[in-house]
Protein backbone atom coordinates (compact mmCIF):
# COMPACT_ATOMS: atom_id res chain seq x y z
CA UNK A 1 0.00 0.00 0.00
CA UNK A 2 1.37 3.39 -0.95
CA UNK A 3 1.90 5.92 1.82
CA UNK A 4 -0.92 8.44 1.89
CA UNK A 5 -0.39 12.04 2.83
CA UNK A 6 -2.16 13.60 5.79
CA UNK A 7 -4.83 15.29 3.65
CA UNK A 8 -5.80 11.99 2.00
CA UNK A 9 -6.06 10.35 5.41
CA UNK A 10 -8.24 13.19 6.68
CA UNK A 11 -10.50 12.82 3.64
CA UNK A 12 -10.80 9.08 4.34
CA UNK A 13 -11.67 9.83 7.98
CA UNK A 14 -14.33 12.32 6.82
CA UNK A 15 -15.78 9.75 4.42
CA UNK A 16 -15.91 7.18 7.23
CA UNK A 17 -17.68 9.71 9.47
CA UNK A 18 -20.17 10.49 6.71
CA UNK A 19 -20.84 6.77 6.23
CA UNK A 20 -21.36 6.40 9.96
CA UNK A 21 -23.82 9.32 9.97
CA UNK A 22 -25.75 7.89 7.03
CA UNK A 23 -26.08 4.49 8.69
CA UNK A 24 -27.14 6.14 11.95
CA UNK A 25 -29.83 8.06 10.05
CA UNK A 26 -31.09 4.82 8.51
CA UNK A 27 -31.19 3.18 11.96
CA UNK A 28 -33.13 6.16 13.30
CA UNK A 29 -35.62 5.89 10.46
CA UNK A 30 -36.08 2.16 11.09
CA UNK A 31 -36.59 2.72 14.81
CA UNK A 32 -39.10 5.52 14.17
CA UNK A 33 -41.21 3.34 11.89
CA UNK A 34 -44.55 2.09 13.25
CA UNK A 35 -43.54 -1.51 12.69
CA UNK A 36 -39.74 -1.78 12.91
CA UNK A 37 -38.23 -4.54 10.81
CA UNK A 38 -36.01 -6.48 13.20
CA UNK A 39 -33.88 -8.06 10.46
CA UNK A 40 -33.22 -4.74 8.75
CA UNK A 41 -32.48 -3.10 12.09
CA UNK A 42 -29.99 -5.84 12.92
CA UNK A 43 -28.35 -5.47 9.50
CA UNK A 44 -28.05 -1.70 9.89
CA UNK A 45 -26.67 -2.09 13.41
CA UNK A 46 -23.97 -4.39 12.06
CA UNK A 47 -23.28 -1.88 9.27
CA UNK A 48 -22.96 0.87 11.90
CA UNK A 49 -20.48 -1.20 13.88
CA UNK A 50 -18.43 -1.76 10.71
CA UNK A 51 -18.55 1.96 9.87
CA UNK A 52 -17.51 2.80 13.43
CA UNK A 53 -14.54 0.43 13.17
CA UNK A 54 -13.56 1.96 9.82
CA UNK A 55 -13.72 5.43 11.37
CA UNK A 56 -11.56 4.31 14.30
CA UNK A 57 -8.95 2.92 11.88
CA UNK A 58 -8.96 6.10 9.80
CA UNK A 59 -8.75 8.27 12.92
CA UNK A 60 -5.79 6.27 14.23
CA UNK A 61 -4.04 6.62 10.86
CA UNK A 62 -4.59 10.40 10.88
CA UNK A 63 -3.27 10.66 14.43
CA UNK A 64 -0.15 8.66 13.54
CA UNK A 65 0.48 10.66 10.36
CA UNK A 66 0.03 13.97 12.20
CA UNK A 67 2.50 12.85 14.88
CA UNK A 68 5.02 11.82 12.23
CA UNK A 69 4.57 15.14 10.39
CA UNK A 70 5.05 17.10 13.61
CA UNK A 71 8.18 15.11 14.45
CA UNK A 72 9.60 15.68 10.98
CA UNK A 73 8.89 19.40 11.22
CA UNK A 74 10.58 19.57 14.61
CA UNK A 75 13.60 17.66 13.29
CA UNK A 76 13.83 19.89 10.23
CA UNK A 77 13.74 23.02 12.38
CA UNK A 78 16.70 21.89 14.45
CA UNK A 79 17.60 23.34 17.82
CA UNK A 80 18.87 26.73 16.70
CA UNK A 81 21.99 27.03 18.85
CA UNK A 82 23.08 23.41 18.58
CA UNK A 83 23.84 23.31 22.31
CA UNK A 84 20.88 21.81 24.13
CA UNK A 85 19.98 18.19 23.73
CA UNK A 86 17.15 18.06 26.26
CA UNK A 87 13.55 17.78 25.24
CA UNK A 88 12.63 21.30 26.33
CA UNK A 89 15.84 22.97 25.19
CA UNK A 90 15.17 22.42 21.50
CA UNK A 91 12.37 24.92 21.00
CA UNK A 92 13.14 27.36 23.80
CA UNK A 93 15.41 29.80 21.94
CA UNK A 94 14.71 28.99 18.31
CA UNK A 95 14.78 31.97 15.96
CA UNK A 96 13.06 31.56 12.59
CA UNK A 97 15.36 31.29 9.59
CA UNK A 98 13.62 34.24 7.89
CA UNK A 99 14.78 36.71 10.53
CA UNK A 100 18.42 35.71 10.18
CA UNK A 101 18.43 36.00 6.39
CA UNK A 102 19.97 39.42 5.62
CA UNK A 103 18.48 39.58 2.13
CA UNK A 104 15.00 39.03 3.55
CA UNK A 105 15.58 41.57 6.30
CA UNK A 106 16.59 44.14 3.68
CA UNK A 107 13.52 43.27 1.67
CA UNK A 108 11.31 43.98 4.67
CA UNK A 109 13.01 47.30 5.25
CA UNK A 110 12.49 48.32 1.64
CA UNK A 111 8.83 47.37 1.85
CA UNK A 112 8.43 49.33 5.06
CA UNK A 113 10.10 52.34 3.47
CA UNK A 114 7.87 52.11 0.44
CA UNK A 115 4.76 51.93 2.61
CA UNK A 116 6.00 54.85 4.68
CA UNK A 117 6.68 56.87 1.55
CA UNK A 118 3.21 56.11 0.24
CA UNK A 119 1.71 57.25 3.53
CA UNK A 120 3.73 60.45 3.45
CA UNK A 121 2.59 61.18 -0.11
CA UNK A 122 -1.04 60.59 0.84
CA UNK A 123 -0.78 62.89 3.85
CA UNK A 124 0.91 65.55 1.75
CA UNK A 125 -1.88 65.42 -0.83
CA UNK A 126 -4.56 65.67 1.87
CA UNK A 127 -2.79 68.65 3.42
CA UNK A 128 -2.59 70.31 0.01
CA UNK A 129 -6.35 69.90 -0.32
CA UNK A 130 -6.85 71.69 2.98
CA UNK A 131 -7.22 68.82 5.44
CA UNK A 132 -5.80 69.49 8.91
CA UNK A 133 -4.92 65.93 9.90
CA UNK A 134 -4.10 66.82 13.48
CA UNK A 135 -0.45 66.29 12.76
CA UNK A 136 2.30 68.90 12.98
CA UNK A 137 3.26 70.51 9.72
CA UNK A 138 6.41 69.20 8.08
CA UNK A 139 9.20 71.67 7.56
C-alpha atoms as a PDB file:
ATOM      1  CA  UNK A   1       0.000   0.000   0.000  1.00  0.00           C
ATOM      2  CA  UNK A   2       1.365   3.391  -0.951  1.00  0.00           C
ATOM      3  CA  UNK A   3       1.902   5.924   1.823  1.00  0.00           C
ATOM      4  CA  UNK A   4      -0.924   8.436   1.893  1.00  0.00           C
ATOM      5  CA  UNK A   5      -0.389  12.037   2.835  1.00  0.00           C
ATOM      6  CA  UNK A   6      -2.162  13.597   5.786  1.00  0.00           C
ATOM      7  CA  UNK A   7      -4.831  15.291   3.648  1.00  0.00           C
ATOM      8  CA  UNK A   8      -5.796  11.993   2.001  1.00  0.00           C
ATOM      9  CA  UNK A   9      -6.058  10.348   5.410  1.00  0.00           C
ATOM     10  CA  UNK A  10      -8.237  13.191   6.677  1.00  0.00           C
ATOM     11  CA  UNK A  11     -10.496  12.816   3.641  1.00  0.00           C
ATOM     12  CA  UNK A  12     -10.797   9.083   4.336  1.00  0.00           C
ATOM     13  CA  UNK A  13     -11.668   9.829   7.977  1.00  0.00           C
ATOM     14  CA  UNK A  14     -14.333  12.323   6.819  1.00  0.00           C
ATOM     15  CA  UNK A  15     -15.778   9.749   4.419  1.00  0.00           C
ATOM     16  CA  UNK A  16     -15.915   7.177   7.228  1.00  0.00           C
ATOM     17  CA  UNK A  17     -17.677   9.708   9.472  1.00  0.00           C
ATOM     18  CA  UNK A  18     -20.169  10.495   6.708  1.00  0.00           C
ATOM     19  CA  UNK A  19     -20.843   6.775   6.233  1.00  0.00           C
ATOM     20  CA  UNK A  20     -21.363   6.399   9.960  1.00  0.00           C
ATOM     21  CA  UNK A  21     -23.820   9.322   9.965  1.00  0.00           C
ATOM     22  CA  UNK A  22     -25.754   7.892   7.028  1.00  0.00           C
ATOM     23  CA  UNK A  23     -26.084   4.488   8.687  1.00  0.00           C
ATOM     24  CA  UNK A  24     -27.137   6.142  11.950  1.00  0.00           C
ATOM     25  CA  UNK A  25     -29.827   8.056  10.054  1.00  0.00           C
ATOM     26  CA  UNK A  26     -31.095   4.824   8.509  1.00  0.00           C
ATOM     27  CA  UNK A  27     -31.192   3.180  11.959  1.00  0.00           C
ATOM     28  CA  UNK A  28     -33.130   6.161  13.296  1.00  0.00           C
ATOM     29  CA  UNK A  29     -35.622   5.888  10.456  1.00  0.00           C
ATOM     30  CA  UNK A  30     -36.079   2.161  11.086  1.00  0.00           C
ATOM     31  CA  UNK A  31     -36.586   2.722  14.807  1.00  0.00           C
ATOM     32  CA  UNK A  32     -39.096   5.517  14.166  1.00  0.00           C
ATOM     33  CA  UNK A  33     -41.206   3.339  11.894  1.00  0.00           C
ATOM     34  CA  UNK A  34     -44.554   2.095  13.252  1.00  0.00           C
ATOM     35  CA  UNK A  35     -43.542  -1.511  12.692  1.00  0.00           C
ATOM     36  CA  UNK A  36     -39.736  -1.781  12.909  1.00  0.00           C
ATOM     37  CA  UNK A  37     -38.234  -4.540  10.810  1.00  0.00           C
ATOM     38  CA  UNK A  38     -36.007  -6.482  13.198  1.00  0.00           C
ATOM     39  CA  UNK A  39     -33.875  -8.058  10.459  1.00  0.00           C
ATOM     40  CA  UNK A  40     -33.221  -4.735   8.746  1.00  0.00           C
ATOM     41  CA  UNK A  41     -32.479  -3.101  12.089  1.00  0.00           C
ATOM     42  CA  UNK A  42     -29.986  -5.837  12.925  1.00  0.00           C
ATOM     43  CA  UNK A  43     -28.347  -5.470   9.496  1.00  0.00           C
ATOM     44  CA  UNK A  44     -28.054  -1.700   9.889  1.00  0.00           C
ATOM     45  CA  UNK A  45     -26.673  -2.087  13.410  1.00  0.00           C
ATOM     46  CA  UNK A  46     -23.973  -4.388  12.058  1.00  0.00           C
ATOM     47  CA  UNK A  47     -23.279  -1.881   9.274  1.00  0.00           C
ATOM     48  CA  UNK A  48     -22.958   0.868  11.897  1.00  0.00           C
ATOM     49  CA  UNK A  49     -20.482  -1.202  13.884  1.00  0.00           C
ATOM     50  CA  UNK A  50     -18.427  -1.762  10.714  1.00  0.00           C
ATOM     51  CA  UNK A  51     -18.546   1.956   9.866  1.00  0.00           C
ATOM     52  CA  UNK A  52     -17.512   2.803  13.431  1.00  0.00           C
ATOM     53  CA  UNK A  53     -14.541   0.428  13.171  1.00  0.00           C
ATOM     54  CA  UNK A  54     -13.557   1.961   9.816  1.00  0.00           C
ATOM     55  CA  UNK A  55     -13.715   5.426  11.365  1.00  0.00           C
ATOM     56  CA  UNK A  56     -11.561   4.309  14.296  1.00  0.00           C
ATOM     57  CA  UNK A  57      -8.947   2.916  11.882  1.00  0.00           C
ATOM     58  CA  UNK A  58      -8.961   6.101   9.801  1.00  0.00           C
ATOM     59  CA  UNK A  59      -8.752   8.272  12.919  1.00  0.00           C
ATOM     60  CA  UNK A  60      -5.792   6.273  14.232  1.00  0.00           C
ATOM     61  CA  UNK A  61      -4.037   6.618  10.856  1.00  0.00           C
ATOM     62  CA  UNK A  62      -4.594  10.402  10.876  1.00  0.00           C
ATOM     63  CA  UNK A  63      -3.270  10.663  14.427  1.00  0.00           C
ATOM     64  CA  UNK A  64      -0.148   8.664  13.538  1.00  0.00           C
ATOM     65  CA  UNK A  65       0.478  10.661  10.360  1.00  0.00           C
ATOM     66  CA  UNK A  66       0.034  13.969  12.199  1.00  0.00           C
ATOM     67  CA  UNK A  67       2.495  12.852  14.877  1.00  0.00           C
ATOM     68  CA  UNK A  68       5.020  11.823  12.226  1.00  0.00           C
ATOM     69  CA  UNK A  69       4.574  15.135  10.386  1.00  0.00           C
ATOM     70  CA  UNK A  70       5.054  17.104  13.612  1.00  0.00           C
ATOM     71  CA  UNK A  71       8.179  15.110  14.454  1.00  0.00           C
ATOM     72  CA  UNK A  72       9.602  15.679  10.981  1.00  0.00           C
ATOM     73  CA  UNK A  73       8.891  19.403  11.220  1.00  0.00           C
ATOM     74  CA  UNK A  74      10.583  19.572  14.607  1.00  0.00           C
ATOM     75  CA  UNK A  75      13.596  17.660  13.295  1.00  0.00           C
ATOM     76  CA  UNK A  76      13.827  19.895  10.233  1.00  0.00           C
ATOM     77  CA  UNK A  77      13.740  23.021  12.377  1.00  0.00           C
ATOM     78  CA  UNK A  78      16.696  21.891  14.447  1.00  0.00           C
ATOM     79  CA  UNK A  79      17.603  23.338  17.824  1.00  0.00           C
ATOM     80  CA  UNK A  80      18.875  26.733  16.699  1.00  0.00           C
ATOM     81  CA  UNK A  81      21.989  27.031  18.854  1.00  0.00           C
ATOM     82  CA  UNK A  82      23.082  23.411  18.585  1.00  0.00           C
ATOM     83  CA  UNK A  83      23.844  23.314  22.309  1.00  0.00           C
ATOM     84  CA  UNK A  84      20.881  21.811  24.128  1.00  0.00           C
ATOM     85  CA  UNK A  85      19.985  18.185  23.727  1.00  0.00           C
ATOM     86  CA  UNK A  86      17.152  18.059  26.261  1.00  0.00           C
ATOM     87  CA  UNK A  87      13.553  17.784  25.244  1.00  0.00           C
ATOM     88  CA  UNK A  88      12.631  21.302  26.326  1.00  0.00           C
ATOM     89  CA  UNK A  89      15.842  22.969  25.187  1.00  0.00           C
ATOM     90  CA  UNK A  90      15.174  22.424  21.500  1.00  0.00           C
ATOM     91  CA  UNK A  91      12.368  24.920  21.004  1.00  0.00           C
ATOM     92  CA  UNK A  92      13.142  27.363  23.800  1.00  0.00           C
ATOM     93  CA  UNK A  93      15.415  29.802  21.937  1.00  0.00           C
ATOM     94  CA  UNK A  94      14.710  28.992  18.308  1.00  0.00           C
ATOM     95  CA  UNK A  95      14.784  31.975  15.961  1.00  0.00           C
ATOM     96  CA  UNK A  96      13.060  31.564  12.594  1.00  0.00           C
ATOM     97  CA  UNK A  97      15.359  31.290   9.586  1.00  0.00           C
ATOM     98  CA  UNK A  98      13.616  34.235   7.885  1.00  0.00           C
ATOM     99  CA  UNK A  99      14.776  36.708  10.526  1.00  0.00           C
ATOM    100  CA  UNK A 100      18.424  35.706  10.178  1.00  0.00           C
ATOM    101  CA  UNK A 101      18.426  35.998   6.392  1.00  0.00           C
ATOM    102  CA  UNK A 102      19.968  39.418   5.618  1.00  0.00           C
ATOM    103  CA  UNK A 103      18.475  39.575   2.133  1.00  0.00           C
ATOM    104  CA  UNK A 104      14.996  39.028   3.552  1.00  0.00           C
ATOM    105  CA  UNK A 105      15.576  41.568   6.295  1.00  0.00           C
ATOM    106  CA  UNK A 106      16.591  44.139   3.682  1.00  0.00           C
ATOM    107  CA  UNK A 107      13.524  43.268   1.674  1.00  0.00           C
ATOM    108  CA  UNK A 108      11.308  43.975   4.670  1.00  0.00           C
ATOM    109  CA  UNK A 109      13.014  47.301   5.251  1.00  0.00           C
ATOM    110  CA  UNK A 110      12.488  48.319   1.641  1.00  0.00           C
ATOM    111  CA  UNK A 111       8.833  47.372   1.845  1.00  0.00           C
ATOM    112  CA  UNK A 112       8.430  49.327   5.056  1.00  0.00           C
ATOM    113  CA  UNK A 113      10.101  52.343   3.472  1.00  0.00           C
ATOM    114  CA  UNK A 114       7.868  52.105   0.438  1.00  0.00           C
ATOM    115  CA  UNK A 115       4.764  51.934   2.607  1.00  0.00           C
ATOM    116  CA  UNK A 116       5.995  54.853   4.684  1.00  0.00           C
ATOM    117  CA  UNK A 117       6.678  56.865   1.554  1.00  0.00           C
ATOM    118  CA  UNK A 118       3.207  56.112   0.243  1.00  0.00           C
ATOM    119  CA  UNK A 119       1.705  57.249   3.529  1.00  0.00           C
ATOM    120  CA  UNK A 120       3.735  60.455   3.446  1.00  0.00           C
ATOM    121  CA  UNK A 121       2.592  61.183  -0.113  1.00  0.00           C
ATOM    122  CA  UNK A 122      -1.043  60.591   0.838  1.00  0.00           C
ATOM    123  CA  UNK A 123      -0.778  62.889   3.850  1.00  0.00           C
ATOM    124  CA  UNK A 124       0.915  65.546   1.754  1.00  0.00           C
ATOM    125  CA  UNK A 125      -1.884  65.422  -0.827  1.00  0.00           C
ATOM    126  CA  UNK A 126      -4.556  65.665   1.866  1.00  0.00           C
ATOM    127  CA  UNK A 127      -2.794  68.646   3.419  1.00  0.00           C
ATOM    128  CA  UNK A 128      -2.593  70.314   0.005  1.00  0.00           C
ATOM    129  CA  UNK A 129      -6.353  69.895  -0.321  1.00  0.00           C
ATOM    130  CA  UNK A 130      -6.854  71.695   2.977  1.00  0.00           C
ATOM    131  CA  UNK A 131      -7.221  68.822   5.442  1.00  0.00           C
ATOM    132  CA  UNK A 132      -5.800  69.493   8.908  1.00  0.00           C
ATOM    133  CA  UNK A 133      -4.921  65.935   9.897  1.00  0.00           C
ATOM    134  CA  UNK A 134      -4.101  66.823  13.479  1.00  0.00           C
ATOM    135  CA  UNK A 135      -0.454  66.295  12.757  1.00  0.00           C
ATOM    136  CA  UNK A 136       2.297  68.903  12.978  1.00  0.00           C
ATOM    137  CA  UNK A 137       3.262  70.507   9.719  1.00  0.00           C
ATOM    138  CA  UNK A 138       6.413  69.195   8.085  1.00  0.00           C
ATOM    139  CA  UNK A 139       9.202  71.674   7.562  1.00  0.00           C
END
